[in-house]
Amino acid sequence: MYNGKPFTIETETMEEHFSKIIEAVGEDLNREGLIDTPRRAAKAFKFLNNGYGKTLEEVLNGAIFTADTEDMVIVKDIELYSLCEHHLLPFIGKCHVGYLPKGKVLGLSKIARVVDMYARRLQIQEKLTKQIADAIEIATGARGVAVVIEAKHLCMMMRGIEKQNSVMTTSVMTGVFRKEISTRSEFLNLINR
């Protein structure tokens, strides 16, 4: 389900469209190297967007545990791969997630799975950062959540301005991370070690 509607990706329809795109750039679909390209491209595109077919509940799979800790939990350097919704080109980077538990903690791998679920959708980095923070906050009821994403965007590197070394950084801070400079500073210092 996505936005309350059943979600399926029609691979056959995508194959037809990829065939048309390849022909539109002037290529011959019967050329040896391109014979199976529409099928492979459709399969790859389906995988790159598989986050639409997932829900937060499915991804967490009940891995929320009672814990008496109130100290900061951080998972840093989570790899992420997404597609820019404006050009359908990849952006690649890393995500750092921190939260201050209030009686509940998430299973470690679930934080990375939440990042993947939202990254595997057509995205802009700003929205992705907020979606991850909101999901962690909803799942844990944390006193605060901090998410920082650093990514390189191929839409900026391969076309347009063609700047190879630019990195976009976005952050979302909620609760205590937003209100208390010392908490925010602790998180930022720990992820920059």
Protein backbone atom coordinates (compact mmCIF):
# COMPACT_ATOMS: atom_id res chain seq x y z
CA MET A 1 0.00 0.00 0.00
CA TYR A 2 1.20 3.49 -0.79
CA ASN A 3 -0.89 6.50 0.20
CA GLY A 4 -3.73 4.10 0.99
CA LYS A 5 -3.67 2.43 -2.46
CA PRO A 6 -2.42 -1.04 -3.40
CA PHE A 7 1.06 -0.76 -4.86
CA THR A 8 2.37 -2.77 -7.78
CA ILE A 9 5.04 -1.98 -10.28
CA GLU A 10 4.12 -3.10 -13.78
CA THR A 11 7.40 -4.42 -15.14
CA GLU A 12 5.93 -5.14 -18.57
CA THR A 13 4.67 -1.57 -18.95
CA MET A 14 8.06 -0.21 -17.88
CA GLU A 15 9.80 -2.44 -20.44
CA GLU A 16 7.67 -0.90 -23.20
CA HIS A 17 8.52 2.61 -22.02
CA PHE A 18 12.23 1.89 -21.73
CA SER A 19 12.12 0.51 -25.29
CA LYS A 20 10.61 3.78 -26.50
CA ILE A 21 13.20 5.85 -24.60
CA ILE A 22 16.08 3.86 -26.09
CA GLU A 23 14.64 4.26 -29.59
CA ALA A 24 14.03 7.99 -28.95
CA VAL A 25 17.75 8.58 -28.35
CA GLY A 26 18.44 7.02 -31.75
CA GLU A 27 19.51 3.53 -30.74
CA ASP A 28 18.60 0.24 -32.39
CA LEU A 29 16.81 -2.09 -29.96
CA ASN A 30 17.96 -5.04 -32.03
CA ARG A 31 21.61 -4.25 -31.46
CA GLU A 32 23.26 -7.08 -29.53
CA GLY A 33 24.01 -5.05 -26.39
CA LEU A 34 20.49 -3.62 -26.18
CA ILE A 35 18.31 -6.66 -26.87
CA ASP A 36 17.52 -7.31 -23.19
CA THR A 37 18.13 -3.77 -21.91
CA PRO A 38 14.45 -2.74 -21.57
CA ARG A 39 13.77 -5.81 -19.40
CA ARG A 40 16.91 -5.28 -17.30
CA ALA A 41 16.20 -1.55 -16.92
CA ALA A 42 12.62 -2.23 -15.82
CA LYS A 43 13.82 -4.79 -13.29
CA ALA A 44 16.46 -2.37 -11.95
CA PHE A 45 13.99 0.52 -11.76
CA LYS A 46 11.53 -1.67 -9.89
CA PHE A 47 14.24 -2.57 -7.35
CA LEU A 48 15.40 1.05 -7.01
CA ASN A 49 11.85 2.07 -6.13
CA ASN A 50 10.81 -0.86 -3.95
CA GLY A 51 10.26 1.45 -0.96
CA TYR A 52 6.79 2.27 -2.27
CA GLY A 53 5.69 -1.29 -1.55
CA LYS A 54 6.72 -1.14 2.13
CA THR A 55 5.14 0.29 5.25
CA LEU A 56 6.83 1.38 8.46
CA GLU A 57 5.07 -1.41 10.37
CA GLU A 58 6.37 -4.07 7.94
CA VAL A 59 9.91 -2.71 8.02
CA LEU A 60 10.02 -2.54 11.84
CA ASN A 61 8.46 -6.00 12.12
CA GLY A 62 7.80 -5.56 15.83
CA ALA A 63 11.47 -4.89 16.69
CA ILE A 64 10.65 -2.17 19.22
CA PHE A 65 11.86 -3.10 22.69
CA THR A 66 11.27 -1.76 26.18
CA ALA A 67 14.48 -0.30 27.62
CA ASP A 68 15.23 1.81 30.65
CA THR A 69 17.99 3.78 28.91
CA GLU A 70 17.56 7.45 28.19
CA ASP A 71 21.00 7.94 26.67
CA MET A 72 21.59 8.86 23.06
CA VAL A 73 21.50 6.10 20.46
CA ILE A 74 23.35 6.82 17.20
CA VAL A 75 23.77 4.84 14.02
CA LYS A 76 26.08 6.64 11.64
CA ASP A 77 27.36 6.18 8.11
CA ILE A 78 24.30 4.29 6.86
CA GLU A 79 24.78 4.05 3.09
CA LEU A 80 21.91 5.34 1.03
CA TYR A 81 21.06 5.23 -2.65
CA SER A 82 18.09 7.12 -4.02
CA LEU A 83 16.76 8.62 -7.24
CA CYS A 84 16.23 12.34 -7.66
CA GLU A 85 12.57 12.88 -8.45
CA HIS A 86 13.42 15.73 -10.81
CA HIS A 87 15.82 13.94 -13.20
CA LEU A 88 15.58 10.25 -12.20
CA LEU A 89 19.32 10.26 -11.59
CA PRO A 90 20.90 8.76 -8.46
CA PHE A 91 22.02 10.52 -5.35
CA ILE A 92 24.36 8.57 -3.13
CA GLY A 93 25.51 9.25 0.37
CA LYS A 94 25.34 8.43 4.02
CA CYS A 95 22.80 8.99 6.73
CA HIS A 96 23.39 9.51 10.45
CA VAL A 97 20.49 8.87 12.82
CA GLY A 98 20.33 9.61 16.53
CA TYR A 99 17.51 9.47 19.04
CA LEU A 100 16.93 9.85 22.76
CA PRO A 101 14.80 6.91 23.91
CA LYS A 102 11.82 7.32 26.21
CA GLY A 103 11.23 3.73 27.28
CA LYS A 104 11.58 2.14 23.84
CA VAL A 105 14.46 1.35 21.48
CA LEU A 106 14.55 0.04 17.93
CA GLY A 107 16.37 -3.05 16.76
CA LEU A 108 19.65 -1.84 15.25
CA SER A 109 19.05 -3.06 11.70
CA LYS A 110 15.61 -1.46 11.65
CA ILE A 111 17.11 2.04 11.58
CA ALA A 112 18.98 1.18 8.37
CA ARG A 113 15.84 -0.46 6.97
CA VAL A 114 13.83 2.72 7.62
CA VAL A 115 16.49 4.71 5.72
CA ASP A 116 16.30 2.25 2.80
CA MET A 117 12.50 2.23 2.70
CA TYR A 118 12.32 5.98 2.15
CA ALA A 119 15.45 6.20 -0.01
CA ARG A 120 14.02 3.59 -2.40
CA ARG A 121 11.41 6.06 -3.64
CA LEU A 122 11.67 8.99 -6.03
CA GLN A 123 12.97 11.63 -3.67
CA ILE A 124 14.47 14.94 -2.81
CA GLN A 125 17.03 14.83 -0.03
CA GLU A 126 15.23 17.39 2.13
CA LYS A 127 12.04 15.31 2.21
CA LEU A 128 13.96 12.07 2.75
CA THR A 129 15.68 13.50 5.84
CA LYS A 130 12.34 14.51 7.38
CA GLN A 131 10.64 11.21 6.53
CA ILE A 132 13.35 9.25 8.35
CA ALA A 133 13.19 11.50 11.42
CA ASP A 134 9.40 11.33 11.56
CA ALA A 135 9.41 7.53 11.22
CA ILE A 136 11.92 7.05 14.05
CA GLU A 137 9.95 9.45 16.25
CA ILE A 138 6.65 7.69 15.53
CA ALA A 139 8.14 4.24 16.10
CA THR A 140 9.88 4.99 19.38
CA GLY A 141 8.10 7.97 20.91
CA ALA A 142 11.63 9.32 21.44
CA ARG A 143 12.33 12.54 23.35
CA GLY A 144 14.06 13.73 20.19
CA VAL A 145 15.40 12.54 16.86
CA ALA A 146 18.31 13.84 14.79
CA VAL A 147 18.97 12.90 11.17
CA VAL A 148 21.78 14.20 8.96
CA ILE A 149 22.25 13.14 5.35
CA GLU A 150 25.31 13.94 3.23
CA ALA A 151 24.95 13.02 -0.45
CA LYS A 152 26.36 13.55 -3.91
CA HIS A 153 23.75 14.14 -6.62
CA LEU A 154 24.47 12.84 -10.10
CA CYS A 155 21.92 15.29 -11.50
CA MET A 156 24.38 17.99 -10.48
CA MET A 157 27.53 16.05 -11.36
CA MET A 158 26.64 14.53 -14.76
CA ARG A 159 24.51 17.32 -16.24
CA GLY A 160 23.65 20.96 -15.71
CA ILE A 161 26.34 22.67 -13.66
CA GLU A 162 28.61 19.55 -13.69
CA LYS A 163 30.20 20.12 -10.29
CA GLN A 164 31.94 16.89 -9.27
CA ASN A 165 32.88 17.58 -5.66
CA SER A 166 29.74 19.14 -4.27
CA VAL A 167 28.03 17.44 -1.33
CA MET A 168 24.57 18.35 -0.09
CA THR A 169 23.97 18.15 3.66
CA THR A 170 20.51 18.20 5.19
CA SER A 171 19.44 17.82 8.80
CA VAL A 172 16.25 17.46 10.77
CA MET A 173 16.23 17.83 14.55
CA THR A 174 13.15 17.20 16.66
CA GLY A 175 12.34 17.43 20.36
CA VAL A 176 15.36 17.74 22.64
CA PHE A 177 17.78 17.91 19.70
CA ARG A 178 16.01 21.04 18.47
CA LYS A 179 15.54 22.65 21.88
CA GLU A 180 18.88 21.97 23.57
CA ILE A 181 22.07 23.17 21.90
CA SER A 182 24.22 20.88 24.06
CA THR A 183 22.31 17.76 22.94
CA ARG A 184 22.47 18.80 19.30
CA SER A 185 26.21 19.54 19.68
CA GLU A 186 26.86 16.15 21.28
CA PHE A 187 25.16 14.40 18.34
CA LEU A 188 27.03 16.44 15.72
CA ASN A 189 30.38 15.87 17.48
CA LEU A 190 29.79 12.12 17.67
CA ILE A 191 28.87 11.72 14.01
CA ASN A 192 31.91 13.75 12.93
CA ARG A 193 34.47 11.55 14.71
